[in-house]
């Protein structure tokens, strides 16, 4: 998508002319990034390069294109200085950043719960800092009203993900990394929730692996008949491994070169 090809300055200009949203953004950049060691012993995985830009630019751009200009960044204590030093106040992106430290990686839902005071009663768009969306999902972010809404993608290895079963326009079930998946639709790392998500998070208990699971938050909306979904048509990448990090860089490079080709050809023709 064209919006993936922006740089810092064009992001700033783009957001300047976009209508803002009352929704707040939550960029979750915690975790230890163990699958990307030793790179993540140097920096947070969200600051690793994807071709010519840091990984975090891509989820950030998803939030900004949805009109969200108030964003909280949640990360671990080992990388908070690098994160704040790089992103700053948000002025260079025409937005405002708030920061919170997740002292221990106790799950995505725990990180989201830390944003309750920041949300101040508003709905939130929570986005994992290592997810890249090649679909432009800004229309769904801007149209969101209440309940919950998730984005799913057909994958070849659904056992690695939270698997979503649907029937028509309704979500039927969600299972976290099942041995026998009921579908090939994976829940991706963007979650639209109204403010009631925080009420549920406060009552949650840790899973068997000692974390507050974001899948359980989504299930809560499903059980209350308040969950919608959209199927992604273009590429989606969870850039948490060396292979997915490389694949993301290759795709971004290919699309940038393809987008630049007509301009180059026109310049050559005019010479």
C-alpha atoms as a PDB file:
ATOM      1  CA  UNK A   1       0.000   0.000   0.000  1.00  0.00           C
ATOM      2  CA  UNK A   2       1.147   3.520  -0.738  1.00  0.00           C
ATOM      3  CA  UNK A   3       0.874   4.618   2.881  1.00  0.00           C
ATOM      4  CA  UNK A   4       3.662   2.184   3.811  1.00  0.00           C
ATOM      5  CA  UNK A   5       6.096   4.135   1.671  1.00  0.00           C
ATOM      6  CA  UNK A   6       6.146   7.329   3.731  1.00  0.00           C
ATOM      7  CA  UNK A   7       9.191   8.674   5.556  1.00  0.00           C
ATOM      8  CA  UNK A   8       9.264  10.790   8.743  1.00  0.00           C
ATOM      9  CA  UNK A   9       8.569  14.117   7.042  1.00  0.00           C
ATOM     10  CA  UNK A  10       5.811  12.790   4.821  1.00  0.00           C
ATOM     11  CA  UNK A  11       4.208  11.102   7.846  1.00  0.00           C
ATOM     12  CA  UNK A  12       4.229  14.498   9.587  1.00  0.00           C
ATOM     13  CA  UNK A  13       2.674  16.243   6.587  1.00  0.00           C
ATOM     14  CA  UNK A  14       0.161  13.436   6.030  1.00  0.00           C
ATOM     15  CA  UNK A  15      -1.116  13.556   9.605  1.00  0.00           C
ATOM     16  CA  UNK A  16      -1.311  17.350   9.538  1.00  0.00           C
ATOM     17  CA  UNK A  17      -4.036  17.126   6.903  1.00  0.00           C
ATOM     18  CA  UNK A  18      -5.886  14.147   8.455  1.00  0.00           C
ATOM     19  CA  UNK A  19      -8.913  14.454  10.715  1.00  0.00           C
ATOM     20  CA  UNK A  20      -7.993  13.337  14.214  1.00  0.00           C
ATOM     21  CA  UNK A  21      -9.810  10.595  16.098  1.00  0.00           C
ATOM     22  CA  UNK A  22     -11.077  10.633  19.698  1.00  0.00           C
ATOM     23  CA  UNK A  23      -9.597   7.133  20.001  1.00  0.00           C
ATOM     24  CA  UNK A  24      -6.279   6.747  21.821  1.00  0.00           C
ATOM     25  CA  UNK A  25      -3.389   4.647  20.520  1.00  0.00           C
ATOM     26  CA  UNK A  26      -1.434   2.039  22.488  1.00  0.00           C
ATOM     27  CA  UNK A  27       1.892   0.875  21.007  1.00  0.00           C
ATOM     28  CA  UNK A  28       3.002  -2.247  22.851  1.00  0.00           C
ATOM     29  CA  UNK A  29       6.746  -2.740  22.488  1.00  0.00           C
ATOM     30  CA  UNK A  30       7.506  -4.919  25.503  1.00  0.00           C
ATOM     31  CA  UNK A  31       8.843  -8.440  25.718  1.00  0.00           C
ATOM     32  CA  UNK A  32      12.419  -9.645  25.629  1.00  0.00           C
ATOM     33  CA  UNK A  33      12.570 -10.492  21.920  1.00  0.00           C
ATOM     34  CA  UNK A  34      14.338 -13.777  22.678  1.00  0.00           C
ATOM     35  CA  UNK A  35      13.823 -15.124  19.145  1.00  0.00           C
ATOM     36  CA  UNK A  36      15.842 -12.193  17.782  1.00  0.00           C
ATOM     37  CA  UNK A  37      18.861 -12.450  20.057  1.00  0.00           C
ATOM     38  CA  UNK A  38      21.616 -11.268  19.931  1.00  0.00           C
ATOM     39  CA  UNK A  39      20.091  -8.270  18.086  1.00  0.00           C
ATOM     40  CA  UNK A  40      17.666  -7.611  20.931  1.00  0.00           C
ATOM     41  CA  UNK A  41      20.524  -7.569  23.410  1.00  0.00           C
ATOM     42  CA  UNK A  42      21.460  -4.289  21.725  1.00  0.00           C
ATOM     43  CA  UNK A  43      18.048  -2.671  21.274  1.00  0.00           C
ATOM     44  CA  UNK A  44      14.295  -3.254  21.383  1.00  0.00           C
ATOM     45  CA  UNK A  45      13.076  -5.306  18.421  1.00  0.00           C
ATOM     46  CA  UNK A  46      10.718  -2.458  17.459  1.00  0.00           C
ATOM     47  CA  UNK A  47      13.782  -0.314  16.728  1.00  0.00           C
ATOM     48  CA  UNK A  48      15.399  -2.874  14.412  1.00  0.00           C
ATOM     49  CA  UNK A  49      15.542  -1.888  10.715  1.00  0.00           C
ATOM     50  CA  UNK A  50      13.016  -2.950   8.106  1.00  0.00           C
ATOM     51  CA  UNK A  51      14.848  -2.001   4.899  1.00  0.00           C
ATOM     52  CA  UNK A  52      15.314   1.767   5.353  1.00  0.00           C
ATOM     53  CA  UNK A  53      13.141   2.517   8.402  1.00  0.00           C
ATOM     54  CA  UNK A  54      12.847   1.270  11.989  1.00  0.00           C
ATOM     55  CA  UNK A  55      10.192  -1.397  12.507  1.00  0.00           C
ATOM     56  CA  UNK A  56       8.202   0.829  14.868  1.00  0.00           C
ATOM     57  CA  UNK A  57       7.488   3.299  12.041  1.00  0.00           C
ATOM     58  CA  UNK A  58       5.061   0.847  10.448  1.00  0.00           C
ATOM     59  CA  UNK A  59       2.649   0.283  13.364  1.00  0.00           C
ATOM     60  CA  UNK A  60       3.028   3.964  14.251  1.00  0.00           C
ATOM     61  CA  UNK A  61       1.973   4.907  10.750  1.00  0.00           C
ATOM     62  CA  UNK A  62      -1.076   2.633  11.065  1.00  0.00           C
ATOM     63  CA  UNK A  63      -2.180   4.604  14.129  1.00  0.00           C
ATOM     64  CA  UNK A  64      -1.479   7.990  12.559  1.00  0.00           C
ATOM     65  CA  UNK A  65      -3.313   7.127   9.339  1.00  0.00           C
ATOM     66  CA  UNK A  66      -6.323   6.267  11.517  1.00  0.00           C
ATOM     67  CA  UNK A  67      -6.320   9.840  12.828  1.00  0.00           C
ATOM     68  CA  UNK A  68      -4.882   8.903  16.233  1.00  0.00           C
ATOM     69  CA  UNK A  69      -2.542  11.544  17.609  1.00  0.00           C
ATOM     70  CA  UNK A  70      -2.413  10.657  21.333  1.00  0.00           C
ATOM     71  CA  UNK A  71      -0.316   7.520  21.741  1.00  0.00           C
ATOM     72  CA  UNK A  72       1.134   5.708  24.727  1.00  0.00           C
ATOM     73  CA  UNK A  73       4.251   3.603  24.147  1.00  0.00           C
ATOM     74  CA  UNK A  74       4.716   0.702  26.553  1.00  0.00           C
ATOM     75  CA  UNK A  75       8.112  -0.968  26.679  1.00  0.00           C
ATOM     76  CA  UNK A  76      10.485  -2.734  29.053  1.00  0.00           C
ATOM     77  CA  UNK A  77      12.945  -1.020  31.424  1.00  0.00           C
ATOM     78  CA  UNK A  78      15.956  -2.183  29.417  1.00  0.00           C
ATOM     79  CA  UNK A  79      14.958  -0.121  26.350  1.00  0.00           C
ATOM     80  CA  UNK A  80      12.935   2.821  27.646  1.00  0.00           C
ATOM     81  CA  UNK A  81      15.824   5.292  27.255  1.00  0.00           C
ATOM     82  CA  UNK A  82      16.408   4.306  23.621  1.00  0.00           C
ATOM     83  CA  UNK A  83      12.687   4.437  22.879  1.00  0.00           C
ATOM     84  CA  UNK A  84      12.131   7.888  24.370  1.00  0.00           C
ATOM     85  CA  UNK A  85      15.365   9.172  22.867  1.00  0.00           C
ATOM     86  CA  UNK A  86      14.366   8.061  19.391  1.00  0.00           C
ATOM     87  CA  UNK A  87      10.647   8.921  19.356  1.00  0.00           C
ATOM     88  CA  UNK A  88      10.838  11.982  21.605  1.00  0.00           C
ATOM     89  CA  UNK A  89       7.703  13.945  22.404  1.00  0.00           C
ATOM     90  CA  UNK A  90       6.046  13.008  19.120  1.00  0.00           C
ATOM     91  CA  UNK A  91       6.344  16.474  17.608  1.00  0.00           C
ATOM     92  CA  UNK A  92       8.268  15.214  14.568  1.00  0.00           C
ATOM     93  CA  UNK A  93       5.300  12.917  13.842  1.00  0.00           C
ATOM     94  CA  UNK A  94       2.696  15.570  14.640  1.00  0.00           C
ATOM     95  CA  UNK A  95       1.417  13.548  17.590  1.00  0.00           C
ATOM     96  CA  UNK A  96       1.935  13.321  21.347  1.00  0.00           C
ATOM     97  CA  UNK A  97       3.665  10.376  23.050  1.00  0.00           C
ATOM     98  CA  UNK A  98       3.266   9.189  26.612  1.00  0.00           C
ATOM     99  CA  UNK A  99       5.509   6.416  27.949  1.00  0.00           C
ATOM    100  CA  UNK A 100       5.052   3.620  30.498  1.00  0.00           C
ATOM    101  CA  UNK A 101       7.489   0.931  31.583  1.00  0.00           C
ATOM    102  CA  UNK A 102       6.342  -2.693  31.804  1.00  0.00           C
ATOM    103  CA  UNK A 103       8.762  -3.926  34.459  1.00  0.00           C
ATOM    104  CA  UNK A 104       8.218  -7.600  33.654  1.00  0.00           C
ATOM    105  CA  UNK A 105       6.805  -9.184  30.471  1.00  0.00           C
ATOM    106  CA  UNK A 106       3.553 -10.444  31.996  1.00  0.00           C
ATOM    107  CA  UNK A 107       1.512 -10.458  28.801  1.00  0.00           C
ATOM    108  CA  UNK A 108       0.017  -8.151  26.207  1.00  0.00           C
ATOM    109  CA  UNK A 109      -3.177  -7.684  28.224  1.00  0.00           C
ATOM    110  CA  UNK A 110      -1.149  -6.599  31.242  1.00  0.00           C
ATOM    111  CA  UNK A 111       0.647  -4.030  29.083  1.00  0.00           C
ATOM    112  CA  UNK A 112      -2.690  -2.811  27.742  1.00  0.00           C
ATOM    113  CA  UNK A 113      -4.058  -2.501  31.274  1.00  0.00           C
ATOM    114  CA  UNK A 114      -1.278  -0.026  32.039  1.00  0.00           C
ATOM    115  CA  UNK A 115      -2.907   2.360  29.541  1.00  0.00           C
ATOM    116  CA  UNK A 116      -6.190   2.705  31.456  1.00  0.00           C
ATOM    117  CA  UNK A 117      -5.435   6.082  33.027  1.00  0.00           C
ATOM    118  CA  UNK A 118      -4.033   7.361  29.742  1.00  0.00           C
ATOM    119  CA  UNK A 119      -7.178   6.285  27.843  1.00  0.00           C
ATOM    120  CA  UNK A 120      -9.299   8.447  30.163  1.00  0.00           C
ATOM    121  CA  UNK A 121     -12.559   6.795  29.137  1.00  0.00           C
ATOM    122  CA  UNK A 122     -11.839   6.720  25.395  1.00  0.00           C
ATOM    123  CA  UNK A 123     -11.731   3.685  23.112  1.00  0.00           C
ATOM    124  CA  UNK A 124      -8.286   2.409  22.183  1.00  0.00           C
ATOM    125  CA  UNK A 125      -6.445   0.974  19.220  1.00  0.00           C
ATOM    126  CA  UNK A 126      -3.774  -1.322  20.649  1.00  0.00           C
ATOM    127  CA  UNK A 127      -1.052  -2.334  18.220  1.00  0.00           C
ATOM    128  CA  UNK A 128       1.935  -4.589  18.698  1.00  0.00           C
ATOM    129  CA  UNK A 129       5.179  -2.839  17.859  1.00  0.00           C
ATOM    130  CA  UNK A 130       6.427  -5.699  15.675  1.00  0.00           C
ATOM    131  CA  UNK A 131       3.372  -6.014  13.409  1.00  0.00           C
ATOM    132  CA  UNK A 132       3.358  -4.634   9.861  1.00  0.00           C
ATOM    133  CA  UNK A 133       0.093  -4.193   7.951  1.00  0.00           C
ATOM    134  CA  UNK A 134       0.255  -3.780   4.196  1.00  0.00           C
ATOM    135  CA  UNK A 135      -3.525  -3.272   4.114  1.00  0.00           C
ATOM    136  CA  UNK A 136      -4.672   0.249   4.855  1.00  0.00           C
ATOM    137  CA  UNK A 137      -6.911  -0.385   7.884  1.00  0.00           C
ATOM    138  CA  UNK A 138      -7.423   3.276   8.728  1.00  0.00           C
ATOM    139  CA  UNK A 139     -11.086   3.174   7.608  1.00  0.00           C
ATOM    140  CA  UNK A 140     -11.860   0.573  10.278  1.00  0.00           C
ATOM    141  CA  UNK A 141     -10.053   2.526  12.966  1.00  0.00           C
ATOM    142  CA  UNK A 142     -11.909   5.717  12.092  1.00  0.00           C
ATOM    143  CA  UNK A 143     -15.309   3.971  11.884  1.00  0.00           C
ATOM    144  CA  UNK A 144     -14.990   2.123  15.221  1.00  0.00           C
ATOM    145  CA  UNK A 145     -17.711   2.941  17.750  1.00  0.00           C
ATOM    146  CA  UNK A 146     -17.896   0.379  20.547  1.00  0.00           C
ATOM    147  CA  UNK A 147     -17.364  -3.255  21.488  1.00  0.00           C
ATOM    148  CA  UNK A 148     -14.305  -4.949  20.049  1.00  0.00           C
ATOM    149  CA  UNK A 149     -12.919  -5.422  16.551  1.00  0.00           C
ATOM    150  CA  UNK A 150     -10.038  -7.614  15.396  1.00  0.00           C
ATOM    151  CA  UNK A 151      -8.163  -8.173  12.143  1.00  0.00           C
ATOM    152  CA  UNK A 152      -7.604 -11.716  10.920  1.00  0.00           C
ATOM    153  CA  UNK A 153      -5.386 -13.140   8.209  1.00  0.00           C
ATOM    154  CA  UNK A 154      -5.338 -16.481   6.423  1.00  0.00           C
ATOM    155  CA  UNK A 155      -2.107 -18.302   7.308  1.00  0.00           C
ATOM    156  CA  UNK A 156      -0.561 -21.648   6.454  1.00  0.00           C
ATOM    157  CA  UNK A 157       0.525 -22.458  10.021  1.00  0.00           C
ATOM    158  CA  UNK A 158      -2.418 -21.459  12.259  1.00  0.00           C
ATOM    159  CA  UNK A 159      -1.106 -23.519  15.213  1.00  0.00           C
ATOM    160  CA  UNK A 160       1.367 -20.687  15.914  1.00  0.00           C
ATOM    161  CA  UNK A 161      -1.379 -18.109  16.465  1.00  0.00           C
ATOM    162  CA  UNK A 162      -4.620 -17.335  18.136  1.00  0.00           C
ATOM    163  CA  UNK A 163      -7.057 -18.983  15.714  1.00  0.00           C
ATOM    164  CA  UNK A 164     -10.380 -17.327  14.874  1.00  0.00           C
ATOM    165  CA  UNK A 165     -13.362 -19.311  13.606  1.00  0.00           C
ATOM    166  CA  UNK A 166     -16.027 -17.312  11.798  1.00  0.00           C
ATOM    167  CA  UNK A 167     -19.459 -17.936  10.337  1.00  0.00           C
ATOM    168  CA  UNK A 168     -20.532 -15.238   7.898  1.00  0.00           C
ATOM    169  CA  UNK A 169     -20.070 -11.880   9.589  1.00  0.00           C
ATOM    170  CA  UNK A 170     -19.786 -13.328  13.100  1.00  0.00           C
ATOM    171  CA  UNK A 171     -16.889 -14.661  15.127  1.00  0.00           C
ATOM    172  CA  UNK A 172     -17.747 -18.127  16.474  1.00  0.00           C
ATOM    173  CA  UNK A 173     -14.669 -19.025  18.513  1.00  0.00           C
ATOM    174  CA  UNK A 174     -11.107 -18.004  19.356  1.00  0.00           C
ATOM    175  CA  UNK A 175      -8.440 -20.457  20.513  1.00  0.00           C
ATOM    176  CA  UNK A 176      -4.857 -19.691  21.481  1.00  0.00           C
ATOM    177  CA  UNK A 177      -2.380 -21.863  19.527  1.00  0.00           C
ATOM    178  CA  UNK A 178      -4.643 -24.930  19.240  1.00  0.00           C
ATOM    179  CA  UNK A 179      -3.318 -28.356  18.292  1.00  0.00           C
ATOM    180  CA  UNK A 180      -6.245 -28.832  15.899  1.00  0.00           C
ATOM    181  CA  UNK A 181      -7.181 -25.404  14.484  1.00  0.00           C
ATOM    182  CA  UNK A 182     -10.791 -24.908  13.443  1.00  0.00           C
ATOM    183  CA  UNK A 183      -9.766 -22.477  10.708  1.00  0.00           C
ATOM    184  CA  UNK A 184      -6.701 -20.955   9.066  1.00  0.00           C
ATOM    185  CA  UNK A 185      -7.555 -17.430  10.250  1.00  0.00           C
ATOM    186  CA  UNK A 186      -4.990 -15.969  12.649  1.00  0.00           C
ATOM    187  CA  UNK A 187      -5.740 -13.093  14.998  1.00  0.00           C
ATOM    188  CA  UNK A 188      -3.224 -10.360  14.199  1.00  0.00           C
ATOM    189  CA  UNK A 189      -1.726  -7.772  16.520  1.00  0.00           C
ATOM    190  CA  UNK A 190      -4.175  -4.881  16.165  1.00  0.00           C
ATOM    191  CA  UNK A 191      -7.078  -4.646  18.610  1.00  0.00           C
ATOM    192  CA  UNK A 192      -9.877  -2.091  18.643  1.00  0.00           C
ATOM    193  CA  UNK A 193     -11.573  -2.059  22.042  1.00  0.00           C
ATOM    194  CA  UNK A 194     -13.945   0.305  23.771  1.00  0.00           C
ATOM    195  CA  UNK A 195     -13.026   1.445  27.264  1.00  0.00           C
ATOM    196  CA  UNK A 196     -14.806  -1.443  28.971  1.00  0.00           C
ATOM    197  CA  UNK A 197     -11.782  -3.635  28.157  1.00  0.00           C
ATOM    198  CA  UNK A 198     -10.054  -2.193  31.215  1.00  0.00           C
ATOM    199  CA  UNK A 199     -12.847  -3.346  33.528  1.00  0.00           C
ATOM    200  CA  UNK A 200     -12.284  -6.907  32.339  1.00  0.00           C
ATOM    201  CA  UNK A 201      -8.477  -6.700  32.461  1.00  0.00           C
ATOM    202  CA  UNK A 202      -8.664  -5.721  36.146  1.00  0.00           C
ATOM    203  CA  UNK A 203     -10.433  -9.043  36.869  1.00  0.00           C
ATOM    204  CA  UNK A 204      -8.127 -11.290  34.820  1.00  0.00           C
ATOM    205  CA  UNK A 205      -5.995 -14.086  36.223  1.00  0.00           C
ATOM    206  CA  UNK A 206      -2.682 -15.219  34.690  1.00  0.00           C
ATOM    207  CA  UNK A 207      -2.728 -18.099  32.232  1.00  0.00           C
ATOM    208  CA  UNK A 208      -0.747 -21.316  32.658  1.00  0.00           C
ATOM    209  CA  UNK A 209       2.317 -19.504  31.323  1.00  0.00           C
ATOM    210  CA  UNK A 210       1.927 -16.732  33.900  1.00  0.00           C
ATOM    211  CA  UNK A 211       0.662 -13.996  31.585  1.00  0.00           C
ATOM    212  CA  UNK A 212      -2.508 -11.999  31.046  1.00  0.00           C
ATOM    213  CA  UNK A 213      -3.517 -13.117  27.573  1.00  0.00           C
ATOM    214  CA  UNK A 214      -4.900 -10.645  25.042  1.00  0.00           C
ATOM    215  CA  UNK A 215      -6.885 -13.493  23.486  1.00  0.00           C
ATOM    216  CA  UNK A 216      -8.919 -13.666  26.701  1.00  0.00           C
ATOM    217  CA  UNK A 217      -9.840  -9.989  26.331  1.00  0.00           C
ATOM    218  CA  UNK A 218     -11.054 -10.616  22.792  1.00  0.00           C
ATOM    219  CA  UNK A 219     -12.964 -13.701  23.987  1.00  0.00           C
ATOM    220  CA  UNK A 220     -14.729 -11.555  26.578  1.00  0.00           C
ATOM    221  CA  UNK A 221     -16.108  -9.334  23.809  1.00  0.00           C
ATOM    222  CA  UNK A 222     -17.099 -12.443  21.866  1.00  0.00           C
ATOM    223  CA  UNK A 223     -18.968 -13.878  24.857  1.00  0.00           C
ATOM    224  CA  UNK A 224     -20.844 -10.586  25.181  1.00  0.00           C
ATOM    225  CA  UNK A 225     -21.751 -10.540  21.467  1.00  0.00           C
ATOM    226  CA  UNK A 226     -19.753  -7.366  20.911  1.00  0.00           C
ATOM    227  CA  UNK A 227     -16.941  -8.580  18.661  1.00  0.00           C
ATOM    228  CA  UNK A 228     -16.491  -7.763  14.983  1.00  0.00           C
ATOM    229  CA  UNK A 229     -13.725  -8.704  12.576  1.00  0.00           C
ATOM    230  CA  UNK A 230     -12.169  -7.849   9.228  1.00  0.00           C
ATOM    231  CA  UNK A 231     -10.148 -10.171   6.981  1.00  0.00           C
ATOM    232  CA  UNK A 232      -6.863  -8.740   5.719  1.00  0.00           C
ATOM    233  CA  UNK A 233      -6.318  -9.086   1.981  1.00  0.00           C
ATOM    234  CA  UNK A 234      -2.721  -7.931   1.662  1.00  0.00           C
ATOM    235  CA  UNK A 235       0.412  -9.020   3.494  1.00  0.00           C
ATOM    236  CA  UNK A 236       0.658  -8.996   7.276  1.00  0.00           C
ATOM    237  CA  UNK A 237       3.924  -9.705   9.062  1.00  0.00           C
ATOM    238  CA  UNK A 238       4.637 -10.473  12.691  1.00  0.00           C
ATOM    239  CA  UNK A 239       8.304  -9.531  12.569  1.00  0.00           C
ATOM    240  CA  UNK A 240       9.395 -11.465  15.636  1.00  0.00           C
ATOM    241  CA  UNK A 241      11.858 -13.865  13.988  1.00  0.00           C
ATOM    242  CA  UNK A 242      14.896 -13.468  11.742  1.00  0.00           C
ATOM    243  CA  UNK A 243      12.997 -14.924   8.792  1.00  0.00           C
ATOM    244  CA  UNK A 244       9.958 -12.642   9.184  1.00  0.00           C
ATOM    245  CA  UNK A 245      12.222  -9.627   9.739  1.00  0.00           C
ATOM    246  CA  UNK A 246      14.039 -10.396   6.479  1.00  0.00           C
ATOM    247  CA  UNK A 247      10.779 -11.108   4.632  1.00  0.00           C
ATOM    248  CA  UNK A 248       9.373  -7.743   5.759  1.00  0.00           C
ATOM    249  CA  UNK A 249      12.476  -5.925   4.513  1.00  0.00           C
ATOM    250  CA  UNK A 250      12.280  -7.638   1.129  1.00  0.00           C
ATOM    251  CA  UNK A 251       8.586  -6.776   0.699  1.00  0.00           C
ATOM    252  CA  UNK A 252       9.047  -3.142   1.707  1.00  0.00           C
ATOM    253  CA  UNK A 253      12.018  -2.791  -0.650  1.00  0.00           C
ATOM    254  CA  UNK A 254      10.108  -4.350  -3.560  1.00  0.00           C
ATOM    255  CA  UNK A 255       7.142  -2.039  -3.082  1.00  0.00           C
ATOM    256  CA  UNK A 256       9.234   1.080  -2.705  1.00  0.00           C
ATOM    257  CA  UNK A 257      11.166   0.294  -5.873  1.00  0.00           C
ATOM    258  CA  UNK A 258       7.933  -0.487  -7.733  1.00  0.00           C
ATOM    259  CA  UNK A 259       6.417   2.801  -6.580  1.00  0.00           C
ATOM    260  CA  UNK A 260       9.523   4.735  -7.681  1.00  0.00           C
ATOM    261  CA  UNK A 261       9.794   3.062 -11.092  1.00  0.00           C
ATOM    262  CA  UNK A 262       7.216   5.225 -12.970  1.00  0.00           C
ATOM    263  CA  UNK A 263       8.949   8.414 -11.792  1.00  0.00           C
ATOM    264  CA  UNK A 264      12.338   7.089 -12.892  1.00  0.00           C
ATOM    265  CA  UNK A 265      10.987   6.047 -16.296  1.00  0.00           C
ATOM    266  CA  UNK A 266       9.360   9.442 -16.760  1.00  0.00           C
ATOM    267  CA  UNK A 267      12.612  11.210 -15.897  1.00  0.00           C
ATOM    268  CA  UNK A 268      14.534   9.038 -18.368  1.00  0.00           C
ATOM    269  CA  UNK A 269      11.975   9.732 -21.102  1.00  0.00           C
ATOM    270  CA  UNK A 270      12.185  13.463 -20.507  1.00  0.00           C
ATOM    271  CA  UNK A 271      16.016  13.492 -20.606  1.00  0.00           C
END
